[in-house]
PDB file of N, CA and C in Angstrom:
ATOM      1  N   MET A   1     -29.600  46.394   9.720  1.00  0.00           N
ATOM      2  CA  MET A   1     -28.340  46.192   9.064  1.00  0.00           C
ATOM      3  C   MET A   1     -27.302  45.627  10.041  1.00  0.00           C
ATOM      4  N   THR A   2     -27.288  46.156  11.258  1.00  0.00           N
ATOM      5  CA  THR A   2     -26.341  45.706  12.258  1.00  0.00           C
ATOM      6  C   THR A   2     -26.615  44.262  12.657  1.00  0.00           C
ATOM      7  N   THR A   3     -27.871  43.884  12.747  1.00  0.00           N
ATOM      8  CA  THR A   3     -28.204  42.512  13.121  1.00  0.00           C
ATOM      9  C   THR A   3     -27.759  41.528  12.043  1.00  0.00           C
ATOM     10  N   MET A   4     -27.796  41.937  10.780  1.00  0.00           N
ATOM     11  CA  MET A   4     -27.344  41.058   9.698  1.00  0.00           C
ATOM     12  C   MET A   4     -25.836  40.849   9.771  1.00  0.00           C
ATOM     13  N   LEU A   5     -25.085  41.888  10.121  1.00  0.00           N
ATOM     14  CA  LEU A   5     -23.630  41.758  10.260  1.00  0.00           C
ATOM     15  C   LEU A   5     -23.277  40.832  11.428  1.00  0.00           C
ATOM     16  N   LEU A   6     -23.975  40.981  12.548  1.00  0.00           N
ATOM     17  CA  LEU A   6     -23.725  40.126  13.702  1.00  0.00           C
ATOM     18  C   LEU A   6     -24.051  38.662  13.384  1.00  0.00           C
ATOM     19  N   ALA A   7     -25.131  38.435  12.660  1.00  0.00           N
ATOM     20  CA  ALA A   7     -25.520  37.083  12.281  1.00  0.00           C
ATOM     21  C   ALA A   7     -24.472  36.465  11.365  1.00  0.00           C
ATOM     22  N   ALA A   8     -23.931  37.246  10.430  1.00  0.00           N
ATOM     23  CA  ALA A   8     -22.905  36.744   9.515  1.00  0.00           C
ATOM     24  C   ALA A   8     -21.625  36.398  10.276  1.00  0.00           C
ATOM     25  N   GLN A   9     -21.256  37.212  11.256  1.00  0.00           N
ATOM     26  CA  GLN A   9     -20.058  36.941  12.034  1.00  0.00           C
ATOM     27  C   GLN A   9     -20.227  35.686  12.894  1.00  0.00           C
ATOM     28  N   ASN A  10     -21.406  35.498  13.463  1.00  0.00           N
ATOM     29  CA  ASN A  10     -21.665  34.308  14.276  1.00  0.00           C
ATOM     30  C   ASN A  10     -21.614  33.046  13.428  1.00  0.00           C
ATOM     31  N   ALA A  11     -22.108  33.107  12.206  1.00  0.00           N
ATOM     32  CA  ALA A  11     -22.101  31.951  11.317  1.00  0.00           C
ATOM     33  C   ALA A  11     -20.674  31.574  10.951  1.00  0.00           C
ATOM     34  N   GLN A  12     -19.820  32.540  10.734  1.00  0.00           N
ATOM     35  CA  GLN A  12     -18.430  32.250  10.385  1.00  0.00           C
ATOM     36  C   GLN A  12     -17.693  31.620  11.559  1.00  0.00           C
ATOM     37  N   GLY A  13     -17.923  32.057  12.751  1.00  0.00           N
ATOM     38  CA  GLY A  13     -17.285  31.484  13.932  1.00  0.00           C
ATOM     39  C   GLY A  13     -17.678  30.040  14.141  1.00  0.00           C
ATOM     40  N   GLY A  14     -18.902  29.689  13.842  1.00  0.00           N
ATOM     41  CA  GLY A  14     -19.368  28.310  13.974  1.00  0.00           C
ATOM     42  C   GLY A  14     -18.669  27.396  12.988  1.00  0.00           C
ATOM     43  N   GLY A  15     -18.358  27.907  11.811  1.00  0.00           N
ATOM     44  CA  GLY A  15     -17.647  27.109  10.803  1.00  0.00           C
ATOM     45  C   GLY A  15     -16.229  26.797  11.240  1.00  0.00           C
ATOM     46  N   MET A  16     -15.605  27.737  11.908  1.00  0.00           N
ATOM     47  CA  MET A  16     -14.235  27.525  12.373  1.00  0.00           C
ATOM     48  C   MET A  16     -14.201  26.456  13.470  1.00  0.00           C
ATOM     49  N   GLY A  17     -15.182  26.467  14.331  1.00  0.00           N
ATOM     50  CA  GLY A  17     -15.265  25.451  15.379  1.00  0.00           C
ATOM     51  C   GLY A  17     -15.451  24.061  14.790  1.00  0.00           C
ATOM     52  N   MET A  18     -16.259  23.975  13.755  1.00  0.00           N
ATOM     53  CA  MET A  18     -16.491  22.698  13.086  1.00  0.00           C
ATOM     54  C   MET A  18     -15.207  22.196  12.427  1.00  0.00           C
ATOM     55  N   LEU A  19     -14.460  23.096  11.834  1.00  0.00           N
ATOM     56  CA  LEU A  19     -13.197  22.733  11.189  1.00  0.00           C
ATOM     57  C   LEU A  19     -12.198  22.216  12.231  1.00  0.00           C
ATOM     58  N   LEU A  20     -12.112  22.886  13.365  1.00  0.00           N
ATOM     59  CA  LEU A  20     -11.216  22.442  14.430  1.00  0.00           C
ATOM     60  C   LEU A  20     -11.627  21.070  14.963  1.00  0.00           C
ATOM     61  N   MET A  21     -12.917  20.845  15.063  1.00  0.00           N
ATOM     62  CA  MET A  21     -13.415  19.554  15.536  1.00  0.00           C
ATOM     63  C   MET A  21     -13.039  18.434  14.552  1.00  0.00           C
ATOM     64  N   MET A  22     -13.148  18.690  13.268  1.00  0.00           N
ATOM     65  CA  MET A  22     -12.780  17.700  12.257  1.00  0.00           C
ATOM     66  C   MET A  22     -11.289  17.387  12.317  1.00  0.00           C
ATOM     67  N   VAL A  23     -10.470  18.412  12.500  1.00  0.00           N
ATOM     68  CA  VAL A  23      -9.021  18.214  12.611  1.00  0.00           C
ATOM     69  C   VAL A  23      -8.714  17.384  13.861  1.00  0.00           C
ATOM     70  N   ALA A  24      -9.386  17.651  14.954  1.00  0.00           N
ATOM     71  CA  ALA A  24      -9.171  16.895  16.184  1.00  0.00           C
ATOM     72  C   ALA A  24      -9.567  15.428  16.009  1.00  0.00           C
ATOM     73  N   ILE A  25     -10.671  15.178  15.349  1.00  0.00           N
ATOM     74  CA  ILE A  25     -11.117  13.802  15.110  1.00  0.00           C
ATOM     75  C   ILE A  25     -10.112  13.070  14.236  1.00  0.00           C
ATOM     76  N   PHE A  26      -9.609  13.728  13.193  1.00  0.00           N
ATOM     77  CA  PHE A  26      -8.613  13.099  12.324  1.00  0.00           C
ATOM     78  C   PHE A  26      -7.330  12.790  13.107  1.00  0.00           C
ATOM     79  N   ALA A  27      -6.898  13.709  13.966  1.00  0.00           N
ATOM     80  CA  ALA A  27      -5.684  13.491  14.764  1.00  0.00           C
ATOM     81  C   ALA A  27      -5.861  12.296  15.698  1.00  0.00           C
ATOM     82  N   ILE A  28      -7.015  12.182  16.309  1.00  0.00           N
ATOM     83  CA  ILE A  28      -7.278  11.048  17.200  1.00  0.00           C
ATOM     84  C   ILE A  28      -7.261   9.744  16.412  1.00  0.00           C
ATOM     85  N   MET A  29      -7.905   9.719  15.241  1.00  0.00           N
ATOM     86  CA  MET A  29      -7.898   8.524  14.403  1.00  0.00           C
ATOM     87  C   MET A  29      -6.481   8.170  13.980  1.00  0.00           C
ATOM     88  N   TRP A  30      -5.671   9.167  13.654  1.00  0.00           N
ATOM     89  CA  TRP A  30      -4.295   8.935  13.222  1.00  0.00           C
ATOM     90  C   TRP A  30      -3.500   8.233  14.330  1.00  0.00           C
ATOM     91  N   PHE A  31      -3.585   8.746  15.558  1.00  0.00           N
ATOM     92  CA  PHE A  31      -2.775   8.193  16.639  1.00  0.00           C
ATOM     93  C   PHE A  31      -3.270   6.842  17.139  1.00  0.00           C
ATOM     94  N   PHE A  32      -4.555   6.563  17.061  1.00  0.00           N
ATOM     95  CA  PHE A  32      -5.078   5.324  17.604  1.00  0.00           C
ATOM     96  C   PHE A  32      -5.348   4.235  16.574  1.00  0.00           C
ATOM     97  N   MET A  33      -5.420   4.584  15.293  1.00  0.00           N
ATOM     98  CA  MET A  33      -5.749   3.575  14.293  1.00  0.00           C
ATOM     99  C   MET A  33      -4.705   3.475  13.186  1.00  0.00           C
ATOM    100  N   ILE A  34      -4.423   4.559  12.519  1.00  0.00           N
ATOM    101  CA  ILE A  34      -3.573   4.514  11.334  1.00  0.00           C
ATOM    102  C   ILE A  34      -2.113   4.283  11.696  1.00  0.00           C
ATOM    103  N   ARG A  35      -1.591   5.011  12.657  1.00  0.00           N
ATOM    104  CA  ARG A  35      -0.177   4.908  13.028  1.00  0.00           C
ATOM    105  C   ARG A  35       0.197   3.512  13.535  1.00  0.00           C
ATOM    106  N   PRO A  36      -0.571   2.890  14.434  1.00  0.00           N
ATOM    107  CA  PRO A  36      -0.209   1.529  14.864  1.00  0.00           C
ATOM    108  C   PRO A  36      -0.254   0.512  13.717  1.00  0.00           C
ATOM    109  N   GLN A  37      -1.205   0.679  12.798  1.00  0.00           N
ATOM    110  CA  GLN A  37      -1.293  -0.242  11.669  1.00  0.00           C
ATOM    111  C   GLN A  37      -0.073  -0.104  10.769  1.00  0.00           C
ATOM    112  N   GLN A  38       0.403   1.116  10.545  1.00  0.00           N
ATOM    113  CA  GLN A  38       1.591   1.321   9.733  1.00  0.00           C
ATOM    114  C   GLN A  38       2.825   0.717  10.398  1.00  0.00           C
ATOM    115  N   LYS A  39       2.912   0.833  11.719  1.00  0.00           N
ATOM    116  CA  LYS A  39       4.037   0.237  12.435  1.00  0.00           C
ATOM    117  C   LYS A  39       4.007  -1.283  12.306  1.00  0.00           C
ATOM    118  N   ARG A  40       2.825  -1.881  12.413  1.00  0.00           N
ATOM    119  CA  ARG A  40       2.683  -3.332  12.295  1.00  0.00           C
ATOM    120  C   ARG A  40       3.078  -3.801  10.895  1.00  0.00           C
ATOM    121  N   GLN A  41       2.653  -3.065   9.855  1.00  0.00           N
ATOM    122  CA  GLN A  41       3.006  -3.420   8.486  1.00  0.00           C
ATOM    123  C   GLN A  41       4.516  -3.326   8.267  1.00  0.00           C
ATOM    124  N   LYS A  42       5.153  -2.355   8.881  1.00  0.00           N
ATOM    125  CA  LYS A  42       6.601  -2.204   8.768  1.00  0.00           C
ATOM    126  C   LYS A  42       7.305  -3.393   9.428  1.00  0.00           C
ATOM    127  N   GLU A  43       6.808  -3.834  10.586  1.00  0.00           N
ATOM    128  CA  GLU A  43       7.375  -5.006  11.263  1.00  0.00           C
ATOM    129  C   GLU A  43       7.244  -6.255  10.394  1.00  0.00           C
ATOM    130  N   ILE A  44       6.089  -6.428   9.756  1.00  0.00           N
ATOM    131  CA  ILE A  44       5.869  -7.590   8.892  1.00  0.00           C
ATOM    132  C   ILE A  44       6.821  -7.546   7.708  1.00  0.00           C
ATOM    133  N   ARG A  45       6.970  -6.379   7.077  1.00  0.00           N
ATOM    134  CA  ARG A  45       7.890  -6.233   5.950  1.00  0.00           C
ATOM    135  C   ARG A  45       9.325  -6.564   6.368  1.00  0.00           C
ATOM    136  N   ASN A  46       9.746  -6.075   7.535  1.00  0.00           N
ATOM    137  CA  ASN A  46      11.096  -6.377   8.023  1.00  0.00           C
ATOM    138  C   ASN A  46      11.266  -7.868   8.276  1.00  0.00           C
ATOM    139  N   PHE A  47      10.232  -8.519   8.827  1.00  0.00           N
ATOM    140  CA  PHE A  47      10.274  -9.966   9.054  1.00  0.00           C
ATOM    141  C   PHE A  47      10.414 -10.713   7.730  1.00  0.00           C
ATOM    142  N   GLN A  48       9.637 -10.320   6.723  1.00  0.00           N
ATOM    143  CA  GLN A  48       9.685 -10.990   5.431  1.00  0.00           C
ATOM    144  C   GLN A  48      11.038 -10.814   4.757  1.00  0.00           C
ATOM    145  N   ASN A  49      11.646  -9.655   4.916  1.00  0.00           N
ATOM    146  CA  ASN A  49      12.952  -9.414   4.307  1.00  0.00           C
ATOM    147  C   ASN A  49      14.080 -10.118   5.046  1.00  0.00           C
ATOM    148  N   ALA A  50      13.880 -10.448   6.323  1.00  0.00           N
ATOM    149  CA  ALA A  50      14.916 -11.090   7.122  1.00  0.00           C
ATOM    150  C   ALA A  50      14.741 -12.609   7.200  1.00  0.00           C
ATOM    151  N   LEU A  51      13.877 -13.184   6.386  1.00  0.00           N
ATOM    152  CA  LEU A  51      13.657 -14.632   6.423  1.00  0.00           C
ATOM    153  C   LEU A  51      14.942 -15.392   6.117  1.00  0.00           C
ATOM    154  N   GLN A  52      15.100 -16.511   6.791  1.00  0.00           N
ATOM    155  CA  GLN A  52      16.244 -17.379   6.550  1.00  0.00           C
ATOM    156  C   GLN A  52      15.752 -18.813   6.431  1.00  0.00           C
ATOM    157  N   GLU A  53      16.560 -19.640   5.783  1.00  0.00           N
ATOM    158  CA  GLU A  53      16.197 -21.051   5.672  1.00  0.00           C
ATOM    159  C   GLU A  53      16.200 -21.665   7.063  1.00  0.00           C
ATOM    160  N   GLY A  54      15.206 -22.483   7.332  1.00  0.00           N
ATOM    161  CA  GLY A  54      15.078 -23.117   8.630  1.00  0.00           C
ATOM    162  C   GLY A  54      14.130 -22.394   9.574  1.00  0.00           C
ATOM    163  N   SER A  55      13.684 -21.192   9.195  1.00  0.00           N
ATOM    164  CA  SER A  55      12.749 -20.439  10.037  1.00  0.00           C
ATOM    165  C   SER A  55      11.384 -21.118  10.040  1.00  0.00           C
ATOM    166  N   LYS A  56      10.748 -21.139  11.189  1.00  0.00           N
ATOM    167  CA  LYS A  56       9.388 -21.673  11.297  1.00  0.00           C
ATOM    168  C   LYS A  56       8.429 -20.494  11.153  1.00  0.00           C
ATOM    169  N   VAL A  57       7.486 -20.607  10.211  1.00  0.00           N
ATOM    170  CA  VAL A  57       6.602 -19.496   9.882  1.00  0.00           C
ATOM    171  C   VAL A  57       5.153 -19.950   9.765  1.00  0.00           C
ATOM    172  N   VAL A  58       4.264 -18.959   9.685  1.00  0.00           N
ATOM    173  CA  VAL A  58       2.846 -19.179   9.433  1.00  0.00           C
ATOM    174  C   VAL A  58       2.471 -18.332   8.221  1.00  0.00           C
ATOM    175  N   THR A  59       1.721 -18.904   7.298  1.00  0.00           N
ATOM    176  CA  THR A  59       1.276 -18.143   6.132  1.00  0.00           C
ATOM    177  C   THR A  59      -0.005 -17.390   6.467  1.00  0.00           C
ATOM    178  N   GLY A  60      -0.414 -16.520   5.561  1.00  0.00           N
ATOM    179  CA  GLY A  60      -1.653 -15.782   5.740  1.00  0.00           C
ATOM    180  C   GLY A  60      -2.862 -16.690   5.791  1.00  0.00           C
ATOM    181  N   GLY A  61      -2.764 -17.868   5.184  1.00  0.00           N
ATOM    182  CA  GLY A  61      -3.860 -18.829   5.192  1.00  0.00           C
ATOM    183  C   GLY A  61      -3.857 -19.749   6.399  1.00  0.00           C
ATOM    184  N   GLY A  62      -2.863 -19.583   7.283  1.00  0.00           N
ATOM    185  CA  GLY A  62      -2.829 -20.378   8.500  1.00  0.00           C
ATOM    186  C   GLY A  62      -2.036 -21.667   8.387  1.00  0.00           C
ATOM    187  N   ILE A  63      -1.213 -21.807   7.357  1.00  0.00           N
ATOM    188  CA  ILE A  63      -0.409 -23.010   7.191  1.00  0.00           C
ATOM    189  C   ILE A  63       0.930 -22.819   7.903  1.00  0.00           C
ATOM    190  N   TYR A  64       1.247 -23.733   8.799  1.00  0.00           N
ATOM    191  CA  TYR A  64       2.515 -23.697   9.518  1.00  0.00           C
ATOM    192  C   TYR A  64       3.541 -24.486   8.720  1.00  0.00           C
ATOM    193  N   GLY A  65       4.775 -23.983   8.687  1.00  0.00           N
ATOM    194  CA  GLY A  65       5.813 -24.698   7.966  1.00  0.00           C
ATOM    195  C   GLY A  65       7.192 -24.170   8.292  1.00  0.00           C
ATOM    196  N   THR A  66       8.178 -24.834   7.682  1.00  0.00           N
ATOM    197  CA  THR A  66       9.583 -24.466   7.849  1.00  0.00           C
ATOM    198  C   THR A  66      10.127 -24.039   6.497  1.00  0.00           C
ATOM    199  N   VAL A  67      10.812 -22.911   6.465  1.00  0.00           N
ATOM    200  CA  VAL A  67      11.375 -22.394   5.210  1.00  0.00           C
ATOM    201  C   VAL A  67      12.502 -23.312   4.764  1.00  0.00           C
ATOM    202  N   LYS A  68      12.397 -23.828   3.536  1.00  0.00           N
ATOM    203  CA  LYS A  68      13.432 -24.690   2.975  1.00  0.00           C
ATOM    204  C   LYS A  68      14.300 -23.951   1.969  1.00  0.00           C
ATOM    205  N   ARG A  69      13.688 -23.073   1.162  1.00  0.00           N
ATOM    206  CA  ARG A  69      14.447 -22.345   0.152  1.00  0.00           C
ATOM    207  C   ARG A  69      13.755 -21.035  -0.132  1.00  0.00           C
ATOM    208  N   ILE A  70      14.541 -19.982  -0.375  1.00  0.00           N
ATOM    209  CA  ILE A  70      14.008 -18.656  -0.702  1.00  0.00           C
ATOM    210  C   ILE A  70      14.485 -18.283  -2.091  1.00  0.00           C
ATOM    211  N   ASP A  71      13.555 -17.961  -2.978  1.00  0.00           N
ATOM    212  CA  ASP A  71      13.876 -17.528  -4.334  1.00  0.00           C
ATOM    213  C   ASP A  71      13.595 -16.031  -4.429  1.00  0.00           C
ATOM    214  N   LEU A  72      14.647 -15.226  -4.330  1.00  0.00           N
ATOM    215  CA  LEU A  72      14.480 -13.768  -4.343  1.00  0.00           C
ATOM    216  C   LEU A  72      14.039 -13.258  -5.712  1.00  0.00           C
ATOM    217  N   ALA A  73      14.463 -13.926  -6.781  1.00  0.00           N
ATOM    218  CA  ALA A  73      14.105 -13.479  -8.131  1.00  0.00           C
ATOM    219  C   ALA A  73      12.600 -13.589  -8.360  1.00  0.00           C
ATOM    220  N   ALA A  74      12.004 -14.689  -7.912  1.00  0.00           N
ATOM    221  CA  ALA A  74      10.568 -14.911  -8.103  1.00  0.00           C
ATOM    222  C   ALA A  74       9.757 -14.452  -6.897  1.00  0.00           C
ATOM    223  N   ASN A  75      10.435 -14.032  -5.825  1.00  0.00           N
ATOM    224  CA  ASN A  75       9.786 -13.590  -4.586  1.00  0.00           C
ATOM    225  C   ASN A  75       8.908 -14.698  -3.987  1.00  0.00           C
ATOM    226  N   THR A  76       9.430 -15.929  -4.037  1.00  0.00           N
ATOM    227  CA  THR A  76       8.700 -17.074  -3.496  1.00  0.00           C
ATOM    228  C   THR A  76       9.538 -17.775  -2.439  1.00  0.00           C
ATOM    229  N   VAL A  77       8.859 -18.593  -1.632  1.00  0.00           N
ATOM    230  CA  VAL A  77       9.500 -19.364  -0.573  1.00  0.00           C
ATOM    231  C   VAL A  77       8.961 -20.783  -0.650  1.00  0.00           C
ATOM    232  N   GLU A  78       9.857 -21.749  -0.504  1.00  0.00           N
ATOM    233  CA  GLU A  78       9.426 -23.143  -0.428  1.00  0.00           C
ATOM    234  C   GLU A  78       9.311 -23.511   1.044  1.00  0.00           C
ATOM    235  N   LEU A  79       8.119 -23.961   1.435  1.00  0.00           N
ATOM    236  CA  LEU A  79       7.848 -24.344   2.820  1.00  0.00           C
ATOM    237  C   LEU A  79       7.652 -25.842   2.914  1.00  0.00           C
ATOM    238  N   GLU A  80       8.250 -26.445   3.936  1.00  0.00           N
ATOM    239  CA  GLU A  80       7.983 -27.842   4.225  1.00  0.00           C
ATOM    240  C   GLU A  80       6.909 -27.865   5.302  1.00  0.00           C
ATOM    241  N   ILE A  81       5.724 -28.361   4.933  1.00  0.00           N
ATOM    242  CA  ILE A  81       4.595 -28.342   5.858  1.00  0.00           C
ATOM    243  C   ILE A  81       4.410 -29.686   6.564  1.00  0.00           C
ATOM    244  N   ALA A  82       5.010 -30.714   6.029  1.00  0.00           N
ATOM    245  CA  ALA A  82       5.050 -32.041   6.645  1.00  0.00           C
ATOM    246  C   ALA A  82       6.307 -32.723   6.116  1.00  0.00           C
ATOM    247  N   ARG A  83       6.696 -33.801   6.730  1.00  0.00           N
ATOM    248  CA  ARG A  83       7.910 -34.481   6.288  1.00  0.00           C
ATOM    249  C   ARG A  83       7.769 -34.901   4.828  1.00  0.00           C
ATOM    250  N   GLY A  84       8.598 -34.318   3.972  1.00  0.00           N
ATOM    251  CA  GLY A  84       8.588 -34.650   2.549  1.00  0.00           C
ATOM    252  C   GLY A  84       7.566 -33.880   1.724  1.00  0.00           C
ATOM    253  N   VAL A  85       6.751 -33.013   2.340  1.00  0.00           N
ATOM    254  CA  VAL A  85       5.743 -32.234   1.615  1.00  0.00           C
ATOM    255  C   VAL A  85       6.199 -30.774   1.577  1.00  0.00           C
ATOM    256  N   VAL A  86       6.549 -30.318   0.369  1.00  0.00           N
ATOM    257  CA  VAL A  86       7.057 -28.956   0.194  1.00  0.00           C
ATOM    258  C   VAL A  86       6.116 -28.206  -0.737  1.00  0.00           C
ATOM    259  N   ILE A  87       5.711 -27.010  -0.311  1.00  0.00           N
ATOM    260  CA  ILE A  87       4.863 -26.162  -1.153  1.00  0.00           C
ATOM    261  C   ILE A  87       5.590 -24.847  -1.416  1.00  0.00           C
ATOM    262  N   THR A  88       5.203 -24.201  -2.500  1.00  0.00           N
ATOM    263  CA  THR A  88       5.775 -22.899  -2.845  1.00  0.00           C
ATOM    264  C   THR A  88       4.727 -21.833  -2.596  1.00  0.00           C
ATOM    265  N   VAL A  89       5.081 -20.806  -1.826  1.00  0.00           N
ATOM    266  CA  VAL A  89       4.168 -19.713  -1.524  1.00  0.00           C
ATOM    267  C   VAL A  89       4.847 -18.389  -1.817  1.00  0.00           C
ATOM    268  N   ASP A  90       4.041 -17.376  -2.008  1.00  0.00           N
ATOM    269  CA  ASP A  90       4.562 -16.029  -2.205  1.00  0.00           C
ATOM    270  C   ASP A  90       5.171 -15.535  -0.895  1.00  0.00           C
ATOM    271  N   LYS A  91       6.292 -14.865  -0.993  1.00  0.00           N
ATOM    272  CA  LYS A  91       7.000 -14.403   0.208  1.00  0.00           C
ATOM    273  C   LYS A  91       6.157 -13.426   1.023  1.00  0.00           C
ATOM    274  N   THR A  92       5.320 -12.643   0.356  1.00  0.00           N
ATOM    275  CA  THR A  92       4.506 -11.651   1.064  1.00  0.00           C
ATOM    276  C   THR A  92       3.344 -12.272   1.830  1.00  0.00           C
ATOM    277  N   SER A  93       3.098 -13.573   1.657  1.00  0.00           N
ATOM    278  CA  SER A  93       2.008 -14.212   2.398  1.00  0.00           C
ATOM    279  C   SER A  93       2.468 -14.751   3.750  1.00  0.00           C
ATOM    280  N   LEU A  94       3.740 -14.595   4.067  1.00  0.00           N
ATOM    281  CA  LEU A  94       4.256 -15.049   5.362  1.00  0.00           C
ATOM    282  C   LEU A  94       4.153 -13.912   6.356  1.00  0.00           C
ATOM    283  N   TYR A  95       3.480 -14.170   7.476  1.00  0.00           N
ATOM    284  CA  TYR A  95       3.176 -13.092   8.406  1.00  0.00           C
ATOM    285  C   TYR A  95       3.775 -13.226   9.785  1.00  0.00           C
ATOM    286  N   ALA A  96       4.122 -14.408  10.232  1.00  0.00           N
ATOM    287  CA  ALA A  96       4.528 -14.510  11.622  1.00  0.00           C
ATOM    288  C   ALA A  96       5.604 -15.561  11.795  1.00  0.00           C
ATOM    289  N   ASP A  97       6.403 -15.373  12.816  1.00  0.00           N
ATOM    290  CA  ASP A  97       7.409 -16.337  13.213  1.00  0.00           C
ATOM    291  C   ASP A  97       6.805 -17.163  14.334  1.00  0.00           C
ATOM    292  N   VAL A  98       6.738 -18.472  14.144  1.00  0.00           N
ATOM    293  CA  VAL A  98       6.090 -19.344  15.116  1.00  0.00           C
ATOM    294  C   VAL A  98       6.800 -19.272  16.462  1.00  0.00           C
ATOM    295  N   ALA A  99       8.107 -19.193  16.462  1.00  0.00           N
ATOM    296  CA  ALA A  99       8.868 -19.186  17.704  1.00  0.00           C
ATOM    297  C   ALA A  99       8.528 -17.979  18.571  1.00  0.00           C
ATOM    298  N   SER A 100       8.241 -16.845  17.939  1.00  0.00           N
ATOM    299  CA  SER A 100       7.929 -15.646  18.709  1.00  0.00           C
ATOM    300  C   SER A 100       6.492 -15.639  19.209  1.00  0.00           C
ATOM    301  N   GLN A 101       5.632 -16.496  18.671  1.00  0.00           N
ATOM    302  CA  GLN A 101       4.225 -16.502  19.078  1.00  0.00           C
ATOM    303  C   GLN A 101       3.893 -17.569  20.120  1.00  0.00           C
ATOM    304  N   THR A 102       4.730 -18.572  20.248  1.00  0.00           N
ATOM    305  CA  THR A 102       4.401 -19.617  21.203  1.00  0.00           C
ATOM    306  C   THR A 102       4.600 -19.118  22.621  1.00  0.00           C
ATOM    307  N   PRO A 103       3.619 -19.325  23.504  1.00  0.00           N
ATOM    308  CA  PRO A 103       3.762 -18.868  24.893  1.00  0.00           C
ATOM    309  C   PRO A 103       4.807 -19.698  25.630  1.00  0.00           C
ATOM    310  N   LYS A 104       5.539 -19.020  26.491  1.00  0.00           N
ATOM    311  CA  LYS A 104       6.575 -19.711  27.263  1.00  0.00           C
ATOM    312  C   LYS A 104       5.980 -20.185  28.579  1.00  0.00           C
ATOM    313  N   ALA A 105       6.297 -21.423  28.929  1.00  0.00           N
ATOM    314  CA  ALA A 105       5.748 -22.029  30.150  1.00  0.00           C
ATOM    315  C   ALA A 105       6.433 -21.499  31.392  1.00  0.00           C
TER     316      ALA A 105
END
């Protein structure tokens, strides 16, 4: 009878260790993967909300252009991708400011 009680207590202690290990793994994933991604998404959202006409941008598809007009009602932006060539893209597809990405000599 005593050996059965000891075995039951040992089994419960092992479960607690496993639970602590899972919590530790989740905490590590949070600090190294999830948190930086959320910060990056917040930066992108702030960039998209602060767009101004004349800004040089890159779309999610890799198209470089200059913002010509912003339509807040439709959430679209008109980009000039070449002289006289203007396309309309969704505002959320703009991800980067070209000026901030070009390396300085």
